[in-house]
N, C-alpha and C. Protein backbone atom coordinates (compact mmCIF):
# COMPACT_ATOMS: atom_id res chain seq x y z
N MET A 1 176.82 148.10 44.46
CA MET A 1 178.22 148.42 44.69
C MET A 1 178.53 148.23 46.17
N TYR A 2 179.72 148.56 46.57
CA TYR A 2 180.15 148.31 47.94
C TYR A 2 179.79 149.47 48.85
N GLU A 3 178.76 149.28 49.65
CA GLU A 3 178.33 150.31 50.60
C GLU A 3 178.71 149.98 52.02
N ARG A 4 178.90 148.67 52.32
CA ARG A 4 179.26 148.22 53.66
C ARG A 4 180.41 147.22 53.55
N ILE A 5 181.57 147.66 54.00
CA ILE A 5 182.78 146.84 53.90
C ILE A 5 183.24 146.45 55.29
N LEU A 6 183.51 145.16 55.48
CA LEU A 6 184.05 144.66 56.73
C LEU A 6 185.55 144.43 56.56
N VAL A 7 186.34 144.98 57.48
CA VAL A 7 187.79 144.83 57.42
C VAL A 7 188.27 144.23 58.74
N PRO A 8 188.49 142.90 58.77
CA PRO A 8 189.03 142.29 59.98
C PRO A 8 190.51 142.65 60.14
N LEU A 9 190.89 143.04 61.34
CA LEU A 9 192.27 143.38 61.65
C LEU A 9 192.71 142.62 62.88
N ASP A 10 193.98 142.22 62.90
CA ASP A 10 194.49 141.48 64.06
C ASP A 10 195.48 142.28 64.89
N GLY A 11 195.66 143.55 64.56
CA GLY A 11 196.58 144.39 65.32
C GLY A 11 198.00 144.41 64.79
N SER A 12 198.26 143.65 63.72
CA SER A 12 199.62 143.61 63.17
C SER A 12 199.71 144.43 61.89
N LYS A 13 200.94 144.75 61.50
CA LYS A 13 201.16 145.44 60.22
C LYS A 13 200.74 144.55 59.06
N VAL A 14 200.96 143.25 59.18
CA VAL A 14 200.53 142.32 58.13
C VAL A 14 199.01 142.38 58.00
N GLY A 15 198.32 142.42 59.12
CA GLY A 15 196.86 142.49 59.09
C GLY A 15 196.34 143.76 58.46
N GLU A 16 197.12 144.83 58.53
CA GLU A 16 196.71 146.13 57.98
C GLU A 16 197.02 146.28 56.49
N ALA A 17 197.60 145.25 55.87
CA ALA A 17 198.02 145.36 54.47
C ALA A 17 196.87 145.69 53.52
N GLY A 18 195.66 145.32 53.87
CA GLY A 18 194.51 145.61 53.01
C GLY A 18 193.96 147.02 53.13
N LEU A 19 194.33 147.73 54.17
CA LEU A 19 193.76 149.07 54.39
C LEU A 19 193.98 150.04 53.22
N PRO A 20 195.17 150.12 52.63
CA PRO A 20 195.33 151.05 51.49
C PRO A 20 194.40 150.72 50.32
N TYR A 21 194.11 149.45 50.10
CA TYR A 21 193.21 149.07 49.03
C TYR A 21 191.78 149.49 49.33
N VAL A 22 191.40 149.35 50.58
CA VAL A 22 190.06 149.78 50.99
C VAL A 22 189.95 151.30 50.88
N GLU A 23 191.00 152.01 51.29
CA GLU A 23 191.01 153.47 51.15
C GLU A 23 190.85 153.87 49.70
N ASP A 24 191.50 153.14 48.79
CA ASP A 24 191.39 153.43 47.36
C ASP A 24 189.96 153.21 46.87
N VAL A 25 189.33 152.12 47.29
CA VAL A 25 187.94 151.85 46.90
C VAL A 25 187.04 152.96 47.42
N VAL A 26 187.23 153.32 48.68
CA VAL A 26 186.39 154.36 49.30
C VAL A 26 186.57 155.69 48.57
N SER A 27 187.81 156.06 48.26
CA SER A 27 188.03 157.36 47.60
C SER A 27 187.41 157.40 46.22
N LYS A 28 187.30 156.26 45.55
CA LYS A 28 186.69 156.21 44.22
C LYS A 28 185.17 156.23 44.29
N LEU A 29 184.60 155.76 45.40
CA LEU A 29 183.15 155.71 45.53
C LEU A 29 182.57 156.96 46.19
N SER A 30 183.31 157.56 47.12
CA SER A 30 182.82 158.75 47.82
C SER A 30 183.12 159.97 46.98
N PRO A 31 182.36 161.02 47.00
CA PRO A 31 181.20 161.31 47.83
C PRO A 31 179.87 160.86 47.21
N GLU A 32 179.90 160.30 45.98
CA GLU A 32 178.65 159.88 45.36
C GLU A 32 177.94 158.83 46.20
N LEU A 33 178.69 157.97 46.84
CA LEU A 33 178.13 156.88 47.61
C LEU A 33 178.73 156.92 49.01
N LYS A 34 177.89 156.90 50.01
CA LYS A 34 178.39 156.87 51.38
C LYS A 34 178.80 155.44 51.72
N VAL A 35 180.08 155.24 51.91
CA VAL A 35 180.62 153.91 52.20
C VAL A 35 180.83 153.79 53.70
N GLU A 36 180.29 152.72 54.25
CA GLU A 36 180.45 152.42 55.67
C GLU A 36 181.47 151.29 55.81
N VAL A 37 182.54 151.56 56.51
CA VAL A 37 183.59 150.56 56.72
C VAL A 37 183.59 150.19 58.20
N THR A 38 183.43 148.90 58.47
CA THR A 38 183.49 148.41 59.84
C THR A 38 184.83 147.74 60.04
N LEU A 39 185.65 148.31 60.91
CA LEU A 39 186.92 147.71 61.29
C LEU A 39 186.63 146.76 62.45
N PHE A 40 187.11 145.54 62.34
CA PHE A 40 186.68 144.47 63.25
C PHE A 40 187.89 143.72 63.79
N GLN A 41 187.87 143.48 65.09
CA GLN A 41 188.94 142.69 65.69
C GLN A 41 188.33 141.64 66.60
N VAL A 42 188.89 140.43 66.52
CA VAL A 42 188.44 139.33 67.35
C VAL A 42 189.52 139.02 68.38
N ILE A 43 189.12 138.97 69.62
CA ILE A 43 190.01 138.53 70.68
C ILE A 43 189.79 137.03 70.80
N SER A 44 190.77 136.28 70.31
CA SER A 44 190.57 134.84 70.23
C SER A 44 191.27 134.06 71.34
N SER A 45 192.21 134.68 71.99
CA SER A 45 192.88 134.01 73.10
C SER A 45 192.18 134.42 74.39
N LEU A 46 191.37 133.50 74.91
CA LEU A 46 190.58 133.82 76.10
C LEU A 46 191.20 133.27 77.38
N THR A 47 192.39 132.67 77.25
CA THR A 47 193.09 132.16 78.42
C THR A 47 194.54 132.62 78.37
N HIS A 48 195.19 132.56 79.51
CA HIS A 48 196.61 132.85 79.58
C HIS A 48 197.21 131.94 80.64
N TYR A 49 198.54 131.92 80.71
CA TYR A 49 199.22 131.05 81.65
C TYR A 49 199.74 131.85 82.84
N VAL A 50 199.59 131.27 84.01
CA VAL A 50 200.12 131.88 85.23
C VAL A 50 200.95 130.84 85.97
N THR A 51 201.95 131.32 86.68
CA THR A 51 202.78 130.46 87.49
C THR A 51 202.72 130.97 88.92
N SER A 52 202.49 130.06 89.84
CA SER A 52 202.45 130.48 91.24
C SER A 52 203.33 129.56 92.07
N GLY A 53 204.07 130.14 92.96
CA GLY A 53 204.90 129.37 93.88
C GLY A 53 205.97 128.53 93.22
N GLY A 54 206.44 128.95 92.03
CA GLY A 54 207.51 128.21 91.37
C GLY A 54 207.05 126.93 90.71
N GLY A 55 205.75 126.69 90.67
CA GLY A 55 205.23 125.47 90.06
C GLY A 55 205.10 125.57 88.55
N MET A 56 204.44 124.61 88.00
CA MET A 56 204.21 124.55 86.56
C MET A 56 203.18 125.61 86.16
N PRO A 57 203.36 126.21 84.98
CA PRO A 57 202.37 127.18 84.51
C PRO A 57 201.00 126.50 84.32
N THR A 58 199.96 127.23 84.67
CA THR A 58 198.60 126.73 84.56
C THR A 58 197.79 127.66 83.68
N SER A 59 196.98 127.08 82.80
CA SER A 59 196.11 127.87 81.94
C SER A 59 194.90 128.34 82.75
N THR A 60 194.61 129.62 82.64
CA THR A 60 193.45 130.17 83.35
C THR A 60 192.74 131.17 82.44
N SER A 61 191.44 131.29 82.62
CA SER A 61 190.66 132.22 81.81
C SER A 61 190.90 133.65 82.27
N TYR A 62 190.81 134.58 81.32
CA TYR A 62 190.87 135.99 81.68
C TYR A 62 189.61 136.34 82.47
N THR A 63 189.74 137.27 83.39
CA THR A 63 188.57 137.76 84.12
C THR A 63 187.78 138.69 83.22
N GLU A 64 186.55 138.98 83.60
CA GLU A 64 185.73 139.93 82.83
C GLU A 64 186.42 141.28 82.75
N GLU A 65 187.07 141.70 83.84
CA GLU A 65 187.76 142.98 83.86
C GLU A 65 188.94 142.98 82.88
N GLU A 66 189.71 141.87 82.86
CA GLU A 66 190.83 141.77 81.93
C GLU A 66 190.34 141.78 80.48
N LEU A 67 189.24 141.05 80.21
CA LEU A 67 188.68 141.04 78.86
C LEU A 67 188.20 142.42 78.46
N GLU A 68 187.62 143.15 79.39
CA GLU A 68 187.13 144.50 79.06
C GLU A 68 188.30 145.43 78.72
N VAL A 69 189.42 145.29 79.42
CA VAL A 69 190.61 146.08 79.11
C VAL A 69 191.11 145.73 77.71
N MET A 70 191.14 144.43 77.38
CA MET A 70 191.58 144.00 76.06
C MET A 70 190.64 144.53 74.97
N LYS A 71 189.36 144.52 75.23
CA LYS A 71 188.38 145.03 74.26
C LYS A 71 188.57 146.54 74.06
N GLN A 72 188.82 147.27 75.14
CA GLN A 72 189.03 148.70 75.00
C GLN A 72 190.31 149.01 74.22
N GLN A 73 191.35 148.24 74.47
CA GLN A 73 192.59 148.41 73.71
C GLN A 73 192.34 148.13 72.22
N ALA A 74 191.53 147.12 71.93
CA ALA A 74 191.20 146.80 70.54
C ALA A 74 190.40 147.94 69.91
N ARG A 75 189.43 148.49 70.64
CA ARG A 75 188.64 149.61 70.11
C ARG A 75 189.53 150.81 69.83
N ASP A 76 190.45 151.11 70.75
CA ASP A 76 191.39 152.23 70.55
C ASP A 76 192.24 152.01 69.30
N TYR A 77 192.74 150.79 69.14
CA TYR A 77 193.54 150.45 67.96
C TYR A 77 192.72 150.63 66.68
N LEU A 78 191.49 150.14 66.67
CA LEU A 78 190.64 150.24 65.48
C LEU A 78 190.32 151.70 65.15
N GLU A 79 190.08 152.52 66.16
CA GLU A 79 189.82 153.94 65.92
C GLU A 79 191.01 154.60 65.23
N LYS A 80 192.20 154.29 65.70
CA LYS A 80 193.41 154.85 65.10
C LYS A 80 193.60 154.31 63.68
N ALA A 81 193.35 153.03 63.48
CA ALA A 81 193.51 152.42 62.16
C ALA A 81 192.53 153.01 61.14
N GLY A 82 191.42 153.54 61.61
CA GLY A 82 190.40 154.10 60.73
C GLY A 82 190.62 155.53 60.28
N GLU A 83 191.67 156.18 60.78
CA GLU A 83 191.90 157.59 60.44
C GLU A 83 192.04 157.83 58.93
N GLY A 84 192.79 156.98 58.24
CA GLY A 84 192.97 157.14 56.80
C GLY A 84 191.67 156.98 56.04
N LEU A 85 190.84 156.05 56.48
CA LEU A 85 189.55 155.83 55.83
C LEU A 85 188.63 157.03 56.02
N ARG A 86 188.63 157.58 57.23
CA ARG A 86 187.81 158.77 57.50
C ARG A 86 188.23 159.92 56.60
N SER A 87 189.54 160.07 56.41
CA SER A 87 190.03 161.18 55.58
C SER A 87 189.62 161.01 54.11
N LYS A 88 189.28 159.80 53.71
CA LYS A 88 188.83 159.53 52.34
C LYS A 88 187.31 159.63 52.21
N GLY A 89 186.63 159.94 53.32
CA GLY A 89 185.18 160.13 53.27
C GLY A 89 184.35 158.96 53.74
N ALA A 90 184.97 157.92 54.27
CA ALA A 90 184.22 156.76 54.74
C ALA A 90 183.59 157.03 56.10
N ILE A 91 182.47 156.40 56.33
CA ILE A 91 181.89 156.35 57.67
C ILE A 91 182.53 155.13 58.32
N VAL A 92 183.29 155.33 59.38
CA VAL A 92 184.03 154.24 59.99
C VAL A 92 183.38 153.84 61.31
N LYS A 93 183.11 152.55 61.41
CA LYS A 93 182.59 151.97 62.65
C LYS A 93 183.60 150.94 63.13
N THR A 94 183.54 150.64 64.41
CA THR A 94 184.44 149.62 64.95
C THR A 94 183.60 148.57 65.68
N LYS A 95 184.14 147.36 65.69
CA LYS A 95 183.44 146.25 66.34
C LYS A 95 184.50 145.31 66.89
N VAL A 96 184.29 144.87 68.12
CA VAL A 96 185.20 143.93 68.77
C VAL A 96 184.38 142.75 69.26
N SER A 97 184.92 141.56 69.07
CA SER A 97 184.23 140.35 69.48
C SER A 97 185.23 139.40 70.11
N THR A 98 184.74 138.37 70.77
CA THR A 98 185.61 137.33 71.33
C THR A 98 185.17 135.98 70.77
N GLY A 99 186.14 135.10 70.56
CA GLY A 99 185.84 133.76 70.08
C GLY A 99 186.76 133.34 68.96
N ASN A 100 186.28 132.40 68.15
CA ASN A 100 187.03 131.90 67.00
C ASN A 100 187.01 132.96 65.91
N ALA A 101 188.19 133.35 65.43
CA ALA A 101 188.28 134.48 64.49
C ALA A 101 187.44 134.27 63.23
N ALA A 102 187.59 133.14 62.56
CA ALA A 102 186.85 132.92 61.31
C ALA A 102 185.34 132.93 61.56
N GLU A 103 184.89 132.25 62.61
CA GLU A 103 183.46 132.21 62.92
C GLU A 103 182.91 133.59 63.24
N GLU A 104 183.67 134.36 63.99
CA GLU A 104 183.22 135.71 64.37
C GLU A 104 183.19 136.64 63.16
N ILE A 105 184.14 136.49 62.24
CA ILE A 105 184.13 137.31 61.03
C ILE A 105 182.88 137.00 60.22
N LEU A 106 182.57 135.72 60.06
CA LEU A 106 181.38 135.33 59.30
C LEU A 106 180.09 135.84 59.96
N LYS A 107 180.04 135.82 61.28
CA LYS A 107 178.89 136.39 61.99
C LYS A 107 178.78 137.89 61.73
N ALA A 108 179.92 138.57 61.78
CA ALA A 108 179.93 140.02 61.57
C ALA A 108 179.47 140.38 60.16
N VAL A 109 179.84 139.57 59.16
CA VAL A 109 179.40 139.81 57.79
C VAL A 109 177.88 139.88 57.75
N GLU A 110 177.24 138.93 58.42
CA GLU A 110 175.78 138.90 58.44
C GLU A 110 175.21 140.04 59.27
N GLU A 111 175.80 140.30 60.44
CA GLU A 111 175.28 141.34 61.33
C GLU A 111 175.27 142.71 60.69
N ILE A 112 176.33 143.04 59.96
CA ILE A 112 176.39 144.38 59.36
C ILE A 112 175.90 144.38 57.92
N ASP A 113 175.51 143.20 57.42
CA ASP A 113 175.04 143.05 56.04
C ASP A 113 176.10 143.56 55.06
N ALA A 114 177.34 143.07 55.24
CA ALA A 114 178.48 143.53 54.43
C ALA A 114 178.32 143.15 52.97
N ASP A 115 178.78 144.04 52.09
CA ASP A 115 178.83 143.79 50.65
C ASP A 115 180.18 143.21 50.24
N LEU A 116 181.20 143.46 51.08
CA LEU A 116 182.57 143.07 50.76
C LEU A 116 183.33 142.87 52.06
N VAL A 117 184.21 141.87 52.07
CA VAL A 117 185.16 141.68 53.17
C VAL A 117 186.54 141.93 52.58
N ALA A 118 187.33 142.74 53.23
CA ALA A 118 188.70 143.01 52.78
C ALA A 118 189.64 142.59 53.90
N MET A 119 190.47 141.61 53.61
CA MET A 119 191.39 141.13 54.64
C MET A 119 192.72 140.72 54.05
N SER A 120 193.73 140.78 54.88
CA SER A 120 195.05 140.39 54.41
C SER A 120 195.30 138.94 54.77
N THR A 121 196.31 138.41 54.14
CA THR A 121 196.72 137.04 54.43
C THR A 121 198.20 137.06 54.80
N HIS A 122 198.56 136.19 55.70
CA HIS A 122 199.96 136.12 56.12
C HIS A 122 200.81 135.37 55.11
N GLY A 123 200.17 134.74 54.14
CA GLY A 123 200.91 134.07 53.06
C GLY A 123 201.58 132.79 53.47
N ARG A 124 201.08 132.14 54.51
CA ARG A 124 201.68 130.86 54.90
C ARG A 124 201.30 129.79 53.90
N SER A 125 202.19 128.81 53.77
CA SER A 125 201.89 127.67 52.91
C SER A 125 202.49 126.43 53.54
N GLY A 126 202.13 125.29 53.00
CA GLY A 126 202.70 124.04 53.47
C GLY A 126 202.37 123.74 54.92
N PRO A 127 203.33 123.18 55.66
CA PRO A 127 203.07 122.75 57.03
C PRO A 127 202.64 123.88 57.97
N SER A 128 203.19 125.08 57.78
CA SER A 128 202.82 126.16 58.70
C SER A 128 201.35 126.55 58.50
N ARG A 129 200.85 126.50 57.25
CA ARG A 129 199.45 126.79 57.01
C ARG A 129 198.57 125.72 57.64
N TRP A 130 199.01 124.46 57.48
CA TRP A 130 198.26 123.35 58.05
C TRP A 130 198.24 123.45 59.57
N ALA A 131 199.37 123.77 60.16
CA ALA A 131 199.47 123.82 61.62
C ALA A 131 198.70 124.99 62.21
N PHE A 132 198.81 126.16 61.59
CA PHE A 132 198.17 127.35 62.14
C PHE A 132 196.76 127.57 61.61
N GLY A 133 196.42 126.92 60.50
CA GLY A 133 195.13 127.17 59.88
C GLY A 133 195.16 128.52 59.21
N SER A 134 194.14 128.81 58.48
CA SER A 134 194.09 130.10 57.82
C SER A 134 192.71 130.69 58.01
N VAL A 135 192.66 131.77 58.77
CA VAL A 135 191.39 132.46 58.98
C VAL A 135 190.86 132.93 57.63
N THR A 136 191.74 133.51 56.81
CA THR A 136 191.33 134.00 55.50
C THR A 136 190.76 132.86 54.67
N ASP A 137 191.42 131.72 54.67
CA ASP A 137 190.96 130.57 53.90
C ASP A 137 189.57 130.12 54.36
N LYS A 138 189.35 130.08 55.65
CA LYS A 138 188.05 129.66 56.18
C LYS A 138 186.95 130.64 55.78
N VAL A 139 187.25 131.92 55.80
CA VAL A 139 186.26 132.93 55.40
C VAL A 139 186.01 132.84 53.89
N LEU A 140 187.07 132.64 53.12
CA LEU A 140 186.92 132.48 51.67
C LEU A 140 186.03 131.29 51.33
N ARG A 141 186.24 130.19 52.00
CA ARG A 141 185.48 128.97 51.71
C ARG A 141 184.00 129.11 52.05
N ALA A 142 183.68 129.97 52.99
CA ALA A 142 182.27 130.18 53.35
C ALA A 142 181.53 130.89 52.23
N GLY A 143 182.24 131.72 51.46
CA GLY A 143 181.71 132.34 50.26
C GLY A 143 180.43 133.13 50.41
N ILE A 144 180.28 133.85 51.51
CA ILE A 144 179.05 134.60 51.75
C ILE A 144 178.97 135.84 50.87
N VAL A 145 180.04 136.61 50.81
CA VAL A 145 180.11 137.83 50.00
C VAL A 145 181.47 137.87 49.31
N PRO A 146 181.66 138.76 48.35
CA PRO A 146 182.99 138.89 47.74
C PRO A 146 184.04 139.23 48.80
N ILE A 147 185.23 138.67 48.61
CA ILE A 147 186.32 138.89 49.56
C ILE A 147 187.55 139.36 48.81
N LEU A 148 188.05 140.53 49.22
CA LEU A 148 189.29 141.06 48.69
C LEU A 148 190.39 140.60 49.63
N THR A 149 191.32 139.80 49.11
CA THR A 149 192.44 139.38 49.94
C THR A 149 193.71 140.04 49.44
N VAL A 150 194.51 140.49 50.39
CA VAL A 150 195.75 141.18 50.07
C VAL A 150 196.87 140.49 50.83
N ARG A 151 197.88 140.07 50.11
CA ARG A 151 199.04 139.48 50.76
C ARG A 151 200.00 140.59 51.14
N ALA A 152 200.42 140.58 52.37
CA ALA A 152 201.37 141.60 52.85
C ALA A 152 202.70 141.43 52.14
N SER A 153 203.37 142.55 51.92
CA SER A 153 204.68 142.49 51.28
C SER A 153 205.68 141.83 52.22
N LYS A 154 206.74 141.32 51.65
CA LYS A 154 207.79 140.66 52.45
C LYS A 154 208.39 141.63 53.46
N ASP A 155 208.46 142.92 53.12
CA ASP A 155 209.00 143.92 54.03
C ASP A 155 208.17 144.02 55.29
N ILE A 156 206.86 144.01 55.13
CA ILE A 156 205.96 144.11 56.29
C ILE A 156 206.04 142.86 57.13
N GLU A 157 206.11 141.69 56.50
CA GLU A 157 206.14 140.42 57.23
C GLU A 157 207.36 140.32 58.14
N LYS A 158 208.45 141.01 57.79
CA LYS A 158 209.68 140.93 58.58
C LYS A 158 209.65 141.84 59.80
N THR A 159 208.72 142.81 59.83
CA THR A 159 208.69 143.74 60.97
C THR A 159 207.85 143.23 62.09
């Protein structure tokens, strides 16, 4: 059964659409089974643009200090996002990584030996899906473990 669940989150309400489903799974399995849920966030934008002296914007890498601030903000967000899971009896862990989101999710699946990945999808199709790619689709195609995908409601997508 599902003892170790990985839940990738991107910090958005759309990204959190799967959390109620994971809470439901946890509440049905606990207390007979101790379920460990790892909330995971990938910082994928490692550069930003700066403008100096009125010139053209230039892409520059974040400093180690800036990345550490971003990682701490992600950890704080994940801790708060895990409150509902804790109240249902889950053991909640958090993990933050940097790099390509799909690749980092797949690495995390192996690192924590996940039984299930639960993630939401933004529901893009057609040209926007092609242009932006789909992290969920890439993780699904890897097929390492079962994946619960939840499409966010239209109400959430508008906020």
